[in-house]
PDB file of N, CA and C in Angstrom:
ATOM      1  N   MET A   1      46.320 120.458 170.190  1.00  0.00           N
ATOM      2  CA  MET A   1      46.986 121.520 170.901  1.00  0.00           C
ATOM      3  C   MET A   1      46.633 122.895 170.298  1.00  0.00           C
ATOM      4  N   ARG A   2      46.639 122.964 168.974  1.00  0.00           N
ATOM      5  CA  ARG A   2      46.306 124.245 168.332  1.00  0.00           C
ATOM      6  C   ARG A   2      44.906 124.702 168.713  1.00  0.00           C
ATOM      7  N   ARG A   3      43.999 123.741 168.745  1.00  0.00           N
ATOM      8  CA  ARG A   3      42.605 124.081 169.080  1.00  0.00           C
ATOM      9  C   ARG A   3      42.517 124.620 170.486  1.00  0.00           C
ATOM     10  N   LEU A   4      43.237 124.016 171.429  1.00  0.00           N
ATOM     11  CA  LEU A   4      43.225 124.497 172.819  1.00  0.00           C
ATOM     12  C   LEU A   4      43.764 125.914 172.930  1.00  0.00           C
ATOM     13  N   VAL A   5      44.850 126.199 172.204  1.00  0.00           N
ATOM     14  CA  VAL A   5      45.409 127.541 172.226  1.00  0.00           C
ATOM     15  C   VAL A   5      44.452 128.539 171.621  1.00  0.00           C
ATOM     16  N   ARG A   6      43.880 128.172 170.455  1.00  0.00           N
ATOM     17  CA  ARG A   6      42.923 129.053 169.790  1.00  0.00           C
ATOM     18  C   ARG A   6      41.712 129.331 170.688  1.00  0.00           C
ATOM     19  N   ASN A   7      41.175 128.301 171.297  1.00  0.00           N
ATOM     20  CA  ASN A   7      40.011 128.486 172.166  1.00  0.00           C
ATOM     21  C   ASN A   7      40.358 129.335 173.387  1.00  0.00           C
ATOM     22  N   ALA A   8      41.527 129.108 173.944  1.00  0.00           N
ATOM     23  CA  ALA A   8      41.942 129.912 175.110  1.00  0.00           C
ATOM     24  C   ALA A   8      42.130 131.387 174.697  1.00  0.00           C
ATOM     25  N   ALA A   9      42.740 131.602 173.540  1.00  0.00           N
ATOM     26  CA  ALA A   9      42.919 132.995 173.063  1.00  0.00           C
ATOM     27  C   ALA A   9      41.561 133.666 172.831  1.00  0.00           C
ATOM     28  N   PHE A  10      40.621 132.901 172.283  1.00  0.00           N
ATOM     29  CA  PHE A  10      39.309 133.482 172.041  1.00  0.00           C
ATOM     30  C   PHE A  10      38.636 133.846 173.358  1.00  0.00           C
ATOM     31  N   ARG A  11      38.710 132.967 174.345  1.00  0.00           N
ATOM     32  CA  ARG A  11      38.101 133.260 175.662  1.00  0.00           C
ATOM     33  C   ARG A  11      38.706 134.523 176.275  1.00  0.00           C
ATOM     34  N   ILE A  12      39.998 134.687 176.096  1.00  0.00           N
ATOM     35  CA  ILE A  12      40.683 135.884 176.646  1.00  0.00           C
ATOM     36  C   ILE A  12      40.269 137.130 175.884  1.00  0.00           C
ATOM     37  N   ALA A  13      40.176 137.031 174.554  1.00  0.00           N
ATOM     38  CA  ALA A  13      39.909 138.213 173.722  1.00  0.00           C
ATOM     39  C   ALA A  13      38.430 138.547 173.568  1.00  0.00           C
ATOM     40  N   ARG A  14      37.550 137.596 173.906  1.00  0.00           N
ATOM     41  CA  ARG A  14      36.124 137.783 173.677  1.00  0.00           C
ATOM     42  C   ARG A  14      35.569 139.047 174.309  1.00  0.00           C
ATOM     43  N   ARG A  15      35.894 139.298 175.539  1.00  0.00           N
ATOM     44  CA  ARG A  15      35.351 140.499 176.216  1.00  0.00           C
ATOM     45  C   ARG A  15      35.867 141.794 175.590  1.00  0.00           C
ATOM     46  N   ASP A  16      37.172 141.778 175.214  1.00  0.00           N
ATOM     47  CA  ASP A  16      37.745 142.936 174.550  1.00  0.00           C
ATOM     48  C   ASP A  16      37.124 143.155 173.200  1.00  0.00           C
ATOM     49  N   LEU A  17      36.877 142.103 172.457  1.00  0.00           N
ATOM     50  CA  LEU A  17      36.245 142.225 171.154  1.00  0.00           C
ATOM     51  C   LEU A  17      34.814 142.762 171.319  1.00  0.00           C
ATOM     52  N   LEU A  18      34.093 142.260 172.292  1.00  0.00           N
ATOM     53  CA  LEU A  18      32.725 142.752 172.551  1.00  0.00           C
ATOM     54  C   LEU A  18      32.769 144.233 172.886  1.00  0.00           C
ATOM     55  N   ARG A  19      33.672 144.626 173.752  1.00  0.00           N
ATOM     56  CA  ARG A  19      33.761 146.027 174.126  1.00  0.00           C
ATOM     57  C   ARG A  19      34.131 146.889 172.917  1.00  0.00           C
ATOM     58  N   PHE A  20      35.042 146.395 172.093  1.00  0.00           N
ATOM     59  CA  PHE A  20      35.455 147.103 170.879  1.00  0.00           C
ATOM     60  C   PHE A  20      34.265 147.308 169.974  1.00  0.00           C
ATOM     61  N   LEU A  21      33.467 146.255 169.753  1.00  0.00           N
ATOM     62  CA  LEU A  21      32.291 146.358 168.873  1.00  0.00           C
ATOM     63  C   LEU A  21      31.261 147.331 169.463  1.00  0.00           C
ATOM     64  N   GLU A  22      31.088 147.269 170.772  1.00  0.00           N
ATOM     65  CA  GLU A  22      30.137 148.195 171.400  1.00  0.00           C
ATOM     66  C   GLU A  22      30.607 149.647 171.240  1.00  0.00           C
ATOM     67  N   ASP A  23      31.899 149.881 171.423  1.00  0.00           N
ATOM     68  CA  ASP A  23      32.455 151.226 171.329  1.00  0.00           C
ATOM     69  C   ASP A  23      32.356 151.797 169.915  1.00  0.00           C
ATOM     70  N   HIS A  24      32.417 150.910 168.904  1.00  0.00           N
ATOM     71  CA  HIS A  24      32.474 151.355 167.505  1.00  0.00           C
ATOM     72  C   HIS A  24      31.243 150.998 166.699  1.00  0.00           C
ATOM     73  N   GLN A  25      30.163 150.653 167.384  1.00  0.00           N
ATOM     74  CA  GLN A  25      28.957 150.191 166.701  1.00  0.00           C
ATOM     75  C   GLN A  25      28.462 151.203 165.693  1.00  0.00           C
ATOM     76  N   GLU A  26      28.404 152.456 166.054  1.00  0.00           N
ATOM     77  CA  GLU A  26      27.885 153.486 165.124  1.00  0.00           C
ATOM     78  C   GLU A  26      28.737 153.612 163.887  1.00  0.00           C
ATOM     79  N   ASP A  27      30.078 153.557 164.049  1.00  0.00           N
ATOM     80  CA  ASP A  27      30.980 153.646 162.883  1.00  0.00           C
ATOM     81  C   ASP A  27      30.732 152.439 161.979  1.00  0.00           C
ATOM     82  N   LEU A  28      30.586 151.261 162.551  1.00  0.00           N
ATOM     83  CA  LEU A  28      30.337 150.034 161.773  1.00  0.00           C
ATOM     84  C   LEU A  28      29.002 150.116 161.036  1.00  0.00           C
ATOM     85  N   LEU A  29      28.002 150.693 161.690  1.00  0.00           N
ATOM     86  CA  LEU A  29      26.679 150.816 161.018  1.00  0.00           C
ATOM     87  C   LEU A  29      26.742 151.752 159.835  1.00  0.00           C
ATOM     88  N   VAL A  30      27.510 152.832 159.929  1.00  0.00           N
ATOM     89  CA  VAL A  30      27.653 153.765 158.829  1.00  0.00           C
ATOM     90  C   VAL A  30      28.285 153.053 157.631  1.00  0.00           C
ATOM     91  N   ILE A  31      29.391 152.330 157.879  1.00  0.00           N
ATOM     92  CA  ILE A  31      30.067 151.619 156.824  1.00  0.00           C
ATOM     93  C   ILE A  31      29.172 150.532 156.267  1.00  0.00           C
ATOM     94  N   PHE A  32      28.437 149.820 157.115  1.00  0.00           N
ATOM     95  CA  PHE A  32      27.560 148.746 156.655  1.00  0.00           C
ATOM     96  C   PHE A  32      26.447 149.323 155.754  1.00  0.00           C
ATOM     97  N   ARG A  33      25.896 150.458 156.141  1.00  0.00           N
ATOM     98  CA  ARG A  33      24.882 151.069 155.279  1.00  0.00           C
ATOM     99  C   ARG A  33      25.444 151.393 153.907  1.00  0.00           C
ATOM    100  N   GLU A  34      26.672 151.856 153.860  1.00  0.00           N
ATOM    101  CA  GLU A  34      27.309 152.141 152.558  1.00  0.00           C
ATOM    102  C   GLU A  34      27.509 150.869 151.760  1.00  0.00           C
ATOM    103  N   GLU A  35      27.933 149.792 152.428  1.00  0.00           N
ATOM    104  CA  GLU A  35      28.132 148.523 151.714  1.00  0.00           C
ATOM    105  C   GLU A  35      26.812 147.935 151.225  1.00  0.00           C
ATOM    106  N   ILE A  36      25.745 148.044 152.032  1.00  0.00           N
ATOM    107  CA  ILE A  36      24.425 147.563 151.590  1.00  0.00           C
ATOM    108  C   ILE A  36      23.918 148.423 150.439  1.00  0.00           C
ATOM    109  N   GLN A  37      24.198 149.711 150.453  1.00  0.00           N
ATOM    110  CA  GLN A  37      23.822 150.566 149.331  1.00  0.00           C
ATOM    111  C   GLN A  37      24.504 150.146 148.050  1.00  0.00           C
ATOM    112  N   LYS A  38      25.782 149.772 148.153  1.00  0.00           N
ATOM    113  CA  LYS A  38      26.510 149.266 147.004  1.00  0.00           C
ATOM    114  C   LYS A  38      25.833 147.955 146.481  1.00  0.00           C
ATOM    115  N   LEU A  39      25.428 147.094 147.407  1.00  0.00           N
ATOM    116  CA  LEU A  39      24.730 145.866 147.027  1.00  0.00           C
ATOM    117  C   LEU A  39      23.410 146.223 146.334  1.00  0.00           C
ATOM    118  N   ASP A  40      22.672 147.137 146.886  1.00  0.00           N
ATOM    119  CA  ASP A  40      21.387 147.538 146.321  1.00  0.00           C
ATOM    120  C   ASP A  40      21.580 148.127 144.922  1.00  0.00           C
ATOM    121  N   ASN A  41      22.658 148.854 144.718  1.00  0.00           N
ATOM    122  CA  ASN A  41      22.948 149.416 143.399  1.00  0.00           C
ATOM    123  C   ASN A  41      23.283 148.334 142.370  1.00  0.00           C
ATOM    124  N   ARG A  42      23.878 147.216 142.820  1.00  0.00           N
ATOM    125  CA  ARG A  42      24.256 146.154 141.913  1.00  0.00           C
ATOM    126  C   ARG A  42      23.071 145.257 141.529  1.00  0.00           C
ATOM    127  N   VAL A  43      22.074 145.119 142.421  1.00  0.00           N
ATOM    128  CA  VAL A  43      20.920 144.219 142.163  1.00  0.00           C
ATOM    129  C   VAL A  43      19.921 144.954 141.302  1.00  0.00           C
ATOM    130  N   GLU A  44      19.570 144.335 140.202  1.00  0.00           N
ATOM    131  CA  GLU A  44      18.560 144.925 139.325  1.00  0.00           C
ATOM    132  C   GLU A  44      17.216 144.899 140.003  1.00  0.00           C
ATOM    133  N   GLU A  45      16.438 145.993 139.814  1.00  0.00           N
ATOM    134  CA  GLU A  45      15.134 146.139 140.469  1.00  0.00           C
ATOM    135  C   GLU A  45      14.206 144.946 140.175  1.00  0.00           C
ATOM    136  N   GLU A  46      14.162 144.536 138.909  1.00  0.00           N
ATOM    137  CA  GLU A  46      13.239 143.467 138.537  1.00  0.00           C
ATOM    138  C   GLU A  46      13.608 142.144 139.256  1.00  0.00           C
ATOM    139  N   LYS A  47      14.880 141.908 139.427  1.00  0.00           N
ATOM    140  CA  LYS A  47      15.309 140.669 140.075  1.00  0.00           C
ATOM    141  C   LYS A  47      15.167 140.705 141.588  1.00  0.00           C
ATOM    142  N   ALA A  48      15.045 141.893 142.148  1.00  0.00           N
ATOM    143  CA  ALA A  48      14.998 142.012 143.606  1.00  0.00           C
ATOM    144  C   ALA A  48      13.692 141.446 144.164  1.00  0.00           C
ATOM    145  N   PHE A  49      12.624 141.536 143.390  1.00  0.00           N
ATOM    146  CA  PHE A  49      11.317 141.108 143.902  1.00  0.00           C
ATOM    147  C   PHE A  49      10.765 139.891 143.214  1.00  0.00           C
ATOM    148  N   ILE A  50      11.358 139.481 142.111  1.00  0.00           N
ATOM    149  CA  ILE A  50      10.900 138.317 141.381  1.00  0.00           C
ATOM    150  C   ILE A  50      11.987 137.275 141.430  1.00  0.00           C
ATOM    151  N   ASP A  51      11.623 136.056 141.854  1.00  0.00           N
ATOM    152  CA  ASP A  51      12.530 134.937 141.837  1.00  0.00           C
ATOM    153  C   ASP A  51      13.797 135.219 142.659  1.00  0.00           C
ATOM    154  N   ILE A  52      13.609 135.539 143.925  1.00  0.00           N
ATOM    155  CA  ILE A  52      14.739 135.780 144.819  1.00  0.00           C
ATOM    156  C   ILE A  52      15.432 134.463 145.118  1.00  0.00           C
ATOM    157  N   HIS A  53      16.700 134.434 144.903  1.00  0.00           N
ATOM    158  CA  HIS A  53      17.532 133.262 145.242  1.00  0.00           C
ATOM    159  C   HIS A  53      18.210 133.573 146.575  1.00  0.00           C
ATOM    160  N   MET A  54      17.752 132.917 147.611  1.00  0.00           N
ATOM    161  CA  MET A  54      18.209 133.239 148.959  1.00  0.00           C
ATOM    162  C   MET A  54      19.716 132.977 149.190  1.00  0.00           C
ATOM    163  N   VAL A  55      20.253 131.923 148.626  1.00  0.00           N
ATOM    164  CA  VAL A  55      21.659 131.625 148.884  1.00  0.00           C
ATOM    165  C   VAL A  55      22.554 132.727 148.279  1.00  0.00           C
ATOM    166  N   PRO A  56      22.379 133.087 147.009  1.00  0.00           N
ATOM    167  CA  PRO A  56      23.205 134.197 146.484  1.00  0.00           C
ATOM    168  C   PRO A  56      22.998 135.511 147.231  1.00  0.00           C
ATOM    169  N   LEU A  57      21.752 135.780 147.609  1.00  0.00           N
ATOM    170  CA  LEU A  57      21.475 137.004 148.364  1.00  0.00           C
ATOM    171  C   LEU A  57      22.178 136.985 149.701  1.00  0.00           C
ATOM    172  N   GLY A  58      22.095 135.816 150.387  1.00  0.00           N
ATOM    173  CA  GLY A  58      22.800 135.670 151.650  1.00  0.00           C
ATOM    174  C   GLY A  58      24.293 135.844 151.530  1.00  0.00           C
ATOM    175  N   GLU A  59      24.851 135.311 150.453  1.00  0.00           N
ATOM    176  CA  GLU A  59      26.287 135.463 150.213  1.00  0.00           C
ATOM    177  C   GLU A  59      26.648 136.929 149.977  1.00  0.00           C
ATOM    178  N   GLU A  60      25.829 137.634 149.232  1.00  0.00           N
ATOM    179  CA  GLU A  60      26.095 139.056 149.001  1.00  0.00           C
ATOM    180  C   GLU A  60      26.006 139.843 150.307  1.00  0.00           C
ATOM    181  N   ILE A  61      25.029 139.531 151.125  1.00  0.00           N
ATOM    182  CA  ILE A  61      24.922 140.244 152.418  1.00  0.00           C
ATOM    183  C   ILE A  61      26.131 139.932 153.294  1.00  0.00           C
ATOM    184  N   LEU A  62      26.552 138.662 153.309  1.00  0.00           N
ATOM    185  CA  LEU A  62      27.724 138.309 154.085  1.00  0.00           C
ATOM    186  C   LEU A  62      28.966 139.040 153.563  1.00  0.00           C
ATOM    187  N   HIS A  63      29.084 139.163 152.238  1.00  0.00           N
ATOM    188  CA  HIS A  63      30.212 139.919 151.698  1.00  0.00           C
ATOM    189  C   HIS A  63      30.147 141.374 152.163  1.00  0.00           C
ATOM    190  N   ALA A  64      28.948 141.944 152.207  1.00  0.00           N
ATOM    191  CA  ALA A  64      28.805 143.340 152.687  1.00  0.00           C
ATOM    192  C   ALA A  64      29.246 143.462 154.137  1.00  0.00           C
ATOM    193  N   VAL A  65      28.888 142.472 154.951  1.00  0.00           N
ATOM    194  CA  VAL A  65      29.288 142.501 156.362  1.00  0.00           C
ATOM    195  C   VAL A  65      30.796 142.378 156.479  1.00  0.00           C
ATOM    196  N   LEU A  66      31.378 141.440 155.771  1.00  0.00           N
ATOM    197  CA  LEU A  66      32.828 141.263 155.813  1.00  0.00           C
ATOM    198  C   LEU A  66      33.573 142.478 155.274  1.00  0.00           C
ATOM    199  N   ASN A  67      33.043 143.076 154.194  1.00  0.00           N
ATOM    200  CA  ASN A  67      33.640 144.299 153.678  1.00  0.00           C
ATOM    201  C   ASN A  67      33.555 145.414 154.705  1.00  0.00           C
ATOM    202  N   THR A  68      32.465 145.465 155.438  1.00  0.00           N
ATOM    203  CA  THR A  68      32.291 146.456 156.492  1.00  0.00           C
ATOM    204  C   THR A  68      33.372 146.318 157.524  1.00  0.00           C
ATOM    205  N   LEU A  69      33.563 145.093 158.015  1.00  0.00           N
ATOM    206  CA  LEU A  69      34.559 144.846 159.073  1.00  0.00           C
ATOM    207  C   LEU A  69      35.973 145.147 158.562  1.00  0.00           C
ATOM    208  N   LYS A  70      36.270 144.700 157.363  1.00  0.00           N
ATOM    209  CA  LYS A  70      37.611 144.933 156.813  1.00  0.00           C
ATOM    210  C   LYS A  70      37.869 146.414 156.609  1.00  0.00           C
ATOM    211  N   ARG A  71      36.882 147.116 156.052  1.00  0.00           N
ATOM    212  CA  ARG A  71      37.018 148.555 155.840  1.00  0.00           C
ATOM    213  C   ARG A  71      37.221 149.294 157.137  1.00  0.00           C
ATOM    214  N   PHE A  72      36.428 148.921 158.136  1.00  0.00           N
ATOM    215  CA  PHE A  72      36.517 149.592 159.411  1.00  0.00           C
ATOM    216  C   PHE A  72      37.928 149.375 160.016  1.00  0.00           C
ATOM    217  N   LEU A  73      38.428 148.147 159.949  1.00  0.00           N
ATOM    218  CA  LEU A  73      39.739 147.874 160.518  1.00  0.00           C
ATOM    219  C   LEU A  73      40.850 148.600 159.736  1.00  0.00           C
ATOM    220  N   ARG A  74      40.689 148.734 158.436  1.00  0.00           N
ATOM    221  CA  ARG A  74      41.688 149.462 157.622  1.00  0.00           C
ATOM    222  C   ARG A  74      41.684 150.944 157.947  1.00  0.00           C
ATOM    223  N   GLU A  75      40.486 151.503 158.162  1.00  0.00           N
ATOM    224  CA  GLU A  75      40.364 152.939 158.286  1.00  0.00           C
ATOM    225  C   GLU A  75      40.587 153.425 159.717  1.00  0.00           C
ATOM    226  N   CYS A  76      40.628 152.574 160.672  1.00  0.00           N
ATOM    227  CA  CYS A  76      40.845 152.991 162.066  1.00  0.00           C
ATOM    228  C   CYS A  76      42.281 153.277 162.353  1.00  0.00           C
TER     229      CYS A  76
END
């Protein structure tokens, strides 16, 4: 039952969420660039090009994306 309610709610909200993201895309990009810059500042230059570990890098990028969304929602 929970799954049905969740899926129904998602179907209802999906268009609104898409419209919201389209309306605020530029704001999200600005915040994302700042979060990626923070990531770039944390990664040592030598490690960035030698022996790249894709899983940790992917996790860091995902954190930047999630931080972007959370920051955007807090600041709006």
